[in-house]
Amino acid sequence: MSASALASDTGTWQLRTGAGCQLVIGCFPPFAYDASRGGGPVVHAPTNGQGLVPLKVPCDRLTIPPLDGQTARLFGLPLPPGISVQIEPDLLEGCLNPSSGELQLSFRSRFRFTLGAAKAPLYQASDLVVETALTSGRVQGQRHRGQGQALNGEGRGRLVGVATIAPCQDSWLNVFLGLPDEALAVMDVHLIGPWS
């Protein structure tokens, strides 16, 4: 990135997610996840004394596509019709180092598994709460590890995060997913600002 990423005042940038994302839950193979329809505004504060730009994404204006037959593939095959995992974000905030392109975001969301039509599902599991630190650096968990990429001069990079998924209130889903266990998220991102 460049000095143009330095923020002297509060303002708004844009965050977009890409098509080459992944999600890994426990011992399951990776889900290929096309999140290219996702994103939202990023409110930035002035650069602080450490040279970092504080960022916050208003969750009521953040779009995260569900994992379904249109966006997610397992073993190269789309998810069967009627299976969907809605992602409801509760928190996405952190900071950007404009001199290095390093990006750190705290992320908390609720994952909601449903069967049937989206507006009137036949079954809806209780929420799985996911909380993790997304980083452009390296993450290492007990089961999973990942390597991110700092934002380049166009604001494009990759964030990775490992989270421990606690059991939910649905015992069959806990058994099916082997909860508690780890999950790994890999997100291609594009931060659009004055450098773009």
C-alpha atoms as a PDB file:
ATOM      1  CA  MET A   1       0.000   0.000   0.000  1.00  0.00           C
ATOM      2  CA  SER A   2       1.085   3.635   0.030  1.00  0.00           C
ATOM      3  CA  ALA A   3       0.989   6.824   2.035  1.00  0.00           C
ATOM      4  CA  SER A   4      -2.410   7.565   0.488  1.00  0.00           C
ATOM      5  CA  ALA A   5      -3.825   4.983   2.900  1.00  0.00           C
ATOM      6  CA  LEU A   6      -2.985   7.255   5.820  1.00  0.00           C
ATOM      7  CA  ALA A   7      -6.186   8.711   7.229  1.00  0.00           C
ATOM      8  CA  SER A   8      -6.157  12.237   8.632  1.00  0.00           C
ATOM      9  CA  ASP A   9      -9.892  12.228   9.351  1.00  0.00           C
ATOM     10  CA  THR A  10     -12.821   9.848   9.770  1.00  0.00           C
ATOM     11  CA  GLY A  11     -14.230   8.525   6.502  1.00  0.00           C
ATOM     12  CA  THR A  12     -15.558   5.491   4.670  1.00  0.00           C
ATOM     13  CA  TRP A  13     -13.858   2.939   2.435  1.00  0.00           C
ATOM     14  CA  GLN A  14     -15.336  -0.248   0.943  1.00  0.00           C
ATOM     15  CA  LEU A  15     -14.584  -3.909   1.640  1.00  0.00           C
ATOM     16  CA  ARG A  16     -15.258  -6.627  -0.928  1.00  0.00           C
ATOM     17  CA  THR A  17     -14.789 -10.385  -0.539  1.00  0.00           C
ATOM     18  CA  GLY A  18     -13.618 -12.616  -3.378  1.00  0.00           C
ATOM     19  CA  ALA A  19     -14.484 -15.822  -5.169  1.00  0.00           C
ATOM     20  CA  GLY A  20     -11.499 -17.870  -3.978  1.00  0.00           C
ATOM     21  CA  CYS A  21     -12.424 -18.272  -0.308  1.00  0.00           C
ATOM     22  CA  GLN A  22     -12.411 -21.455   1.779  1.00  0.00           C
ATOM     23  CA  LEU A  23     -13.992 -22.762   4.958  1.00  0.00           C
ATOM     24  CA  VAL A  24     -12.751 -25.858   6.811  1.00  0.00           C
ATOM     25  CA  ILE A  25     -14.686 -27.325   9.749  1.00  0.00           C
ATOM     26  CA  GLY A  26     -13.047 -29.957  11.931  1.00  0.00           C
ATOM     27  CA  CYS A  27     -11.887 -33.005   9.994  1.00  0.00           C
ATOM     28  CA  PHE A  28     -14.046 -32.216   6.959  1.00  0.00           C
ATOM     29  CA  PRO A  29     -12.300 -31.372   3.680  1.00  0.00           C
ATOM     30  CA  PRO A  30     -12.274 -27.685   2.669  1.00  0.00           C
ATOM     31  CA  PHE A  31     -15.397 -26.068   1.280  1.00  0.00           C
ATOM     32  CA  ALA A  32     -14.596 -23.888  -1.729  1.00  0.00           C
ATOM     33  CA  TYR A  33     -16.584 -20.708  -1.079  1.00  0.00           C
ATOM     34  CA  ASP A  34     -17.441 -17.981  -3.588  1.00  0.00           C
ATOM     35  CA  ALA A  35     -18.037 -14.876  -1.469  1.00  0.00           C
ATOM     36  CA  SER A  36     -17.767 -12.438  -4.376  1.00  0.00           C
ATOM     37  CA  ARG A  37     -21.220 -10.982  -3.652  1.00  0.00           C
ATOM     38  CA  GLY A  38     -20.132  -9.988  -0.145  1.00  0.00           C
ATOM     39  CA  GLY A  39     -18.870  -6.775   1.366  1.00  0.00           C
ATOM     40  CA  GLY A  40     -19.833  -3.487   2.923  1.00  0.00           C
ATOM     41  CA  PRO A  41     -18.648  -0.055   4.002  1.00  0.00           C
ATOM     42  CA  VAL A  42     -15.612   0.318   6.244  1.00  0.00           C
ATOM     43  CA  VAL A  43     -15.584   3.282   8.623  1.00  0.00           C
ATOM     44  CA  HIS A  44     -12.008   4.368   9.346  1.00  0.00           C
ATOM     45  CA  ALA A  45     -10.757   6.672  12.067  1.00  0.00           C
ATOM     46  CA  PRO A  46      -7.672   8.901  11.778  1.00  0.00           C
ATOM     47  CA  THR A  47      -4.288   7.178  11.870  1.00  0.00           C
ATOM     48  CA  ASN A  48      -3.283   6.661  15.502  1.00  0.00           C
ATOM     49  CA  GLY A  49       0.051   7.178  17.227  1.00  0.00           C
ATOM     50  CA  GLN A  50       1.260   3.701  16.233  1.00  0.00           C
ATOM     51  CA  GLY A  51       0.700   4.445  12.547  1.00  0.00           C
ATOM     52  CA  LEU A  52      -2.376   2.181  12.408  1.00  0.00           C
ATOM     53  CA  VAL A  53      -5.765   3.041  10.941  1.00  0.00           C
ATOM     54  CA  PRO A  54      -8.682   1.805  13.121  1.00  0.00           C
ATOM     55  CA  LEU A  55     -11.446   0.188  11.061  1.00  0.00           C
ATOM     56  CA  LYS A  56     -15.034  -0.841  11.767  1.00  0.00           C
ATOM     57  CA  VAL A  57     -17.585  -2.462   9.449  1.00  0.00           C
ATOM     58  CA  PRO A  58     -21.224  -1.758  10.447  1.00  0.00           C
ATOM     59  CA  CYS A  59     -22.725  -5.260  10.563  1.00  0.00           C
ATOM     60  CA  ASP A  60     -26.181  -4.050   9.561  1.00  0.00           C
ATOM     61  CA  ARG A  61     -24.650  -2.993   6.234  1.00  0.00           C
ATOM     62  CA  LEU A  62     -22.346  -5.992   5.793  1.00  0.00           C
ATOM     63  CA  THR A  63     -23.327  -8.699   3.295  1.00  0.00           C
ATOM     64  CA  ILE A  64     -21.924 -12.227   3.712  1.00  0.00           C
ATOM     65  CA  PRO A  65     -23.309 -14.708   1.141  1.00  0.00           C
ATOM     66  CA  PRO A  66     -24.694 -17.973   2.583  1.00  0.00           C
ATOM     67  CA  LEU A  67     -22.983 -21.263   1.914  1.00  0.00           C
ATOM     68  CA  ASP A  68     -25.349 -23.032  -0.474  1.00  0.00           C
ATOM     69  CA  GLY A  69     -25.478 -24.685  -3.870  1.00  0.00           C
ATOM     70  CA  GLN A  70     -24.583 -21.433  -5.624  1.00  0.00           C
ATOM     71  CA  THR A  71     -21.611 -20.414  -3.481  1.00  0.00           C
ATOM     72  CA  ALA A  72     -20.091 -23.539  -1.906  1.00  0.00           C
ATOM     73  CA  ARG A  73     -18.528 -26.713  -3.282  1.00  0.00           C
ATOM     74  CA  LEU A  74     -17.254 -29.846  -1.572  1.00  0.00           C
ATOM     75  CA  PHE A  75     -15.070 -32.277  -3.559  1.00  0.00           C
ATOM     76  CA  GLY A  76     -15.770 -30.026  -6.542  1.00  0.00           C
ATOM     77  CA  LEU A  77     -19.536 -30.546  -6.315  1.00  0.00           C
ATOM     78  CA  PRO A  78     -22.076 -27.895  -5.267  1.00  0.00           C
ATOM     79  CA  LEU A  79     -23.992 -28.360  -2.049  1.00  0.00           C
ATOM     80  CA  PRO A  80     -27.292 -30.199  -2.606  1.00  0.00           C
ATOM     81  CA  PRO A  81     -30.410 -28.052  -3.125  1.00  0.00           C
ATOM     82  CA  GLY A  82     -32.094 -26.999   0.094  1.00  0.00           C
ATOM     83  CA  ILE A  83     -28.953 -27.062   2.246  1.00  0.00           C
ATOM     84  CA  SER A  84     -27.816 -23.638   3.370  1.00  0.00           C
ATOM     85  CA  VAL A  85     -25.668 -22.054   6.068  1.00  0.00           C
ATOM     86  CA  GLN A  86     -26.579 -18.432   6.762  1.00  0.00           C
ATOM     87  CA  ILE A  87     -23.859 -16.231   8.237  1.00  0.00           C
ATOM     88  CA  GLU A  88     -25.084 -13.438  10.515  1.00  0.00           C
ATOM     89  CA  PRO A  89     -22.203 -11.121  11.509  1.00  0.00           C
ATOM     90  CA  ASP A  90     -22.138  -9.436  14.922  1.00  0.00           C
ATOM     91  CA  LEU A  91     -18.687  -7.832  14.863  1.00  0.00           C
ATOM     92  CA  LEU A  92     -16.034  -6.963  12.276  1.00  0.00           C
ATOM     93  CA  GLU A  93     -13.455  -4.402  13.323  1.00  0.00           C
ATOM     94  CA  GLY A  94      -9.706  -3.998  13.643  1.00  0.00           C
ATOM     95  CA  CYS A  95      -6.857  -2.011  12.159  1.00  0.00           C
ATOM     96  CA  LEU A  96      -4.754  -1.532   9.041  1.00  0.00           C
ATOM     97  CA  ASN A  97      -1.035  -0.842   8.878  1.00  0.00           C
ATOM     98  CA  PRO A  98      -0.861   1.237   5.675  1.00  0.00           C
ATOM     99  CA  SER A  99       2.934   1.061   5.449  1.00  0.00           C
ATOM    100  CA  SER A 100       3.014  -2.749   5.310  1.00  0.00           C
ATOM    101  CA  GLY A 101      -0.522  -3.600   4.178  1.00  0.00           C
ATOM    102  CA  GLU A 102      -1.028  -5.785   7.258  1.00  0.00           C
ATOM    103  CA  LEU A 103      -4.697  -6.097   8.201  1.00  0.00           C
ATOM    104  CA  GLN A 104      -6.134  -7.471  11.458  1.00  0.00           C
ATOM    105  CA  LEU A 105      -9.882  -7.835  12.049  1.00  0.00           C
ATOM    106  CA  SER A 106     -11.843  -9.263  14.969  1.00  0.00           C
ATOM    107  CA  PHE A 107     -14.796 -11.249  13.632  1.00  0.00           C
ATOM    108  CA  ARG A 108     -17.802 -12.666  15.473  1.00  0.00           C
ATOM    109  CA  SER A 109     -20.815 -14.209  13.764  1.00  0.00           C
ATOM    110  CA  ARG A 110     -23.601 -16.771  14.023  1.00  0.00           C
ATOM    111  CA  PHE A 111     -23.718 -19.655  11.538  1.00  0.00           C
ATOM    112  CA  ARG A 112     -27.247 -20.975  10.979  1.00  0.00           C
ATOM    113  CA  PHE A 113     -27.783 -24.345   9.251  1.00  0.00           C
ATOM    114  CA  THR A 114     -31.124 -24.782   7.462  1.00  0.00           C
ATOM    115  CA  LEU A 115     -32.868 -27.400   5.319  1.00  0.00           C
ATOM    116  CA  GLY A 116     -35.515 -26.420   2.804  1.00  0.00           C
ATOM    117  CA  ALA A 117     -36.574 -23.129   1.271  1.00  0.00           C
ATOM    118  CA  ALA A 118     -34.711 -20.103   2.641  1.00  0.00           C
ATOM    119  CA  LYS A 119     -37.872 -18.189   3.603  1.00  0.00           C
ATOM    120  CA  ALA A 120     -39.644 -21.196   5.145  1.00  0.00           C
ATOM    121  CA  PRO A 121     -37.058 -23.870   6.054  1.00  0.00           C
ATOM    122  CA  LEU A 122     -38.192 -27.327   7.085  1.00  0.00           C
ATOM    123  CA  TYR A 123     -35.493 -27.380   9.736  1.00  0.00           C
ATOM    124  CA  GLN A 124     -33.294 -24.741  11.332  1.00  0.00           C
ATOM    125  CA  ALA A 125     -30.516 -25.680  13.736  1.00  0.00           C
ATOM    126  CA  SER A 126     -29.512 -23.524  16.668  1.00  0.00           C
ATOM    127  CA  ASP A 127     -26.780 -21.020  15.894  1.00  0.00           C
ATOM    128  CA  LEU A 128     -23.107 -21.891  15.925  1.00  0.00           C
ATOM    129  CA  VAL A 129     -21.203 -18.929  17.353  1.00  0.00           C
ATOM    130  CA  VAL A 130     -17.870 -18.280  15.662  1.00  0.00           C
ATOM    131  CA  GLU A 131     -15.333 -15.803  16.992  1.00  0.00           C
ATOM    132  CA  THR A 132     -11.869 -15.386  15.530  1.00  0.00           C
ATOM    133  CA  ALA A 133      -9.085 -12.957  14.676  1.00  0.00           C
ATOM    134  CA  LEU A 134      -8.725 -12.614  10.914  1.00  0.00           C
ATOM    135  CA  THR A 135      -5.199 -11.682   9.920  1.00  0.00           C
ATOM    136  CA  SER A 136      -3.064 -11.139   6.856  1.00  0.00           C
ATOM    137  CA  GLY A 137      -0.288 -12.968   8.716  1.00  0.00           C
ATOM    138  CA  ARG A 138      -0.012 -16.594   9.817  1.00  0.00           C
ATOM    139  CA  VAL A 139      -2.338 -18.573  12.086  1.00  0.00           C
ATOM    140  CA  GLN A 140      -1.693 -21.900  13.786  1.00  0.00           C
ATOM    141  CA  GLY A 141      -4.273 -23.939  15.690  1.00  0.00           C
ATOM    142  CA  GLN A 142      -4.375 -27.462  17.074  1.00  0.00           C
ATOM    143  CA  ARG A 143      -5.739 -28.885  13.809  1.00  0.00           C
ATOM    144  CA  HIS A 144      -5.555 -26.127  11.205  1.00  0.00           C
ATOM    145  CA  ARG A 145      -3.074 -23.511  10.047  1.00  0.00           C
ATOM    146  CA  GLY A 146      -3.104 -20.871   7.346  1.00  0.00           C
ATOM    147  CA  GLN A 147      -1.077 -18.090   5.764  1.00  0.00           C
ATOM    148  CA  GLY A 148      -2.604 -14.768   4.781  1.00  0.00           C
ATOM    149  CA  GLN A 149      -1.318 -12.082   2.446  1.00  0.00           C
ATOM    150  CA  ALA A 150      -0.848  -8.404   3.229  1.00  0.00           C
ATOM    151  CA  LEU A 151      -2.802  -5.957   1.094  1.00  0.00           C
ATOM    152  CA  ASN A 152      -0.966  -4.981  -2.065  1.00  0.00           C
ATOM    153  CA  GLY A 153      -0.920  -1.600  -3.761  1.00  0.00           C
ATOM    154  CA  GLU A 154      -4.461  -2.155  -5.052  1.00  0.00           C
ATOM    155  CA  GLY A 155      -5.790  -3.112  -1.604  1.00  0.00           C
ATOM    156  CA  ARG A 156      -6.096  -6.829  -2.405  1.00  0.00           C
ATOM    157  CA  GLY A 157      -5.010  -9.481   0.085  1.00  0.00           C
ATOM    158  CA  ARG A 158      -6.002 -12.606   1.989  1.00  0.00           C
ATOM    159  CA  LEU A 159      -7.159 -13.005   5.568  1.00  0.00           C
ATOM    160  CA  VAL A 160      -7.024 -16.230   7.580  1.00  0.00           C
ATOM    161  CA  GLY A 161      -8.423 -17.133  10.960  1.00  0.00           C
ATOM    162  CA  VAL A 162      -8.718 -20.195  13.209  1.00  0.00           C
ATOM    163  CA  ALA A 163     -11.656 -20.488  15.601  1.00  0.00           C
ATOM    164  CA  THR A 164     -12.757 -23.035  18.175  1.00  0.00           C
ATOM    165  CA  ILE A 165     -16.396 -23.964  17.535  1.00  0.00           C
ATOM    166  CA  ALA A 166     -18.267 -24.760  20.735  1.00  0.00           C
ATOM    167  CA  PRO A 167     -21.166 -27.234  20.788  1.00  0.00           C
ATOM    168  CA  CYS A 168     -24.629 -25.846  20.061  1.00  0.00           C
ATOM    169  CA  GLN A 169     -28.021 -26.923  21.414  1.00  0.00           C
ATOM    170  CA  ASP A 170     -28.564 -29.508  18.639  1.00  0.00           C
ATOM    171  CA  SER A 171     -26.886 -32.731  19.735  1.00  0.00           C
ATOM    172  CA  TRP A 172     -27.073 -34.350  16.285  1.00  0.00           C
ATOM    173  CA  LEU A 173     -25.263 -31.370  14.710  1.00  0.00           C
ATOM    174  CA  ASN A 174     -22.599 -31.550  17.427  1.00  0.00           C
ATOM    175  CA  VAL A 175     -22.055 -35.232  16.632  1.00  0.00           C
ATOM    176  CA  PHE A 176     -22.106 -34.680  12.860  1.00  0.00           C
ATOM    177  CA  LEU A 177     -19.522 -31.886  13.023  1.00  0.00           C
ATOM    178  CA  GLY A 178     -17.563 -33.438  15.896  1.00  0.00           C
ATOM    179  CA  LEU A 179     -17.947 -30.372  18.108  1.00  0.00           C
ATOM    180  CA  PRO A 180     -16.128 -28.915  19.865  1.00  0.00           C
ATOM    181  CA  ASP A 181     -13.511 -28.599  17.129  1.00  0.00           C
ATOM    182  CA  GLU A 182     -11.620 -26.044  15.094  1.00  0.00           C
ATOM    183  CA  ALA A 183     -12.570 -24.192  11.939  1.00  0.00           C
ATOM    184  CA  LEU A 184     -10.357 -22.357   9.470  1.00  0.00           C
ATOM    185  CA  ALA A 185     -11.532 -19.440   7.341  1.00  0.00           C
ATOM    186  CA  VAL A 186      -9.633 -18.187   4.287  1.00  0.00           C
ATOM    187  CA  MET A 187     -10.988 -14.948   2.819  1.00  0.00           C
ATOM    188  CA  ASP A 188      -9.794 -13.090  -0.265  1.00  0.00           C
ATOM    189  CA  VAL A 189     -10.485  -9.404   0.325  1.00  0.00           C
ATOM    190  CA  HIS A 190     -10.301  -6.128  -1.546  1.00  0.00           C
ATOM    191  CA  LEU A 191     -10.175  -2.927   0.507  1.00  0.00           C
ATOM    192  CA  ILE A 192     -11.183  -0.080  -1.782  1.00  0.00           C
ATOM    193  CA  GLY A 193      -9.890   3.351  -0.854  1.00  0.00           C
ATOM    194  CA  PRO A 194      -7.935   6.313  -2.257  1.00  0.00           C
ATOM    195  CA  TRP A 195      -5.109   4.030  -3.381  1.00  0.00           C
ATOM    196  CA  SER A 196      -7.391   1.929  -5.642  1.00  0.00           C
END
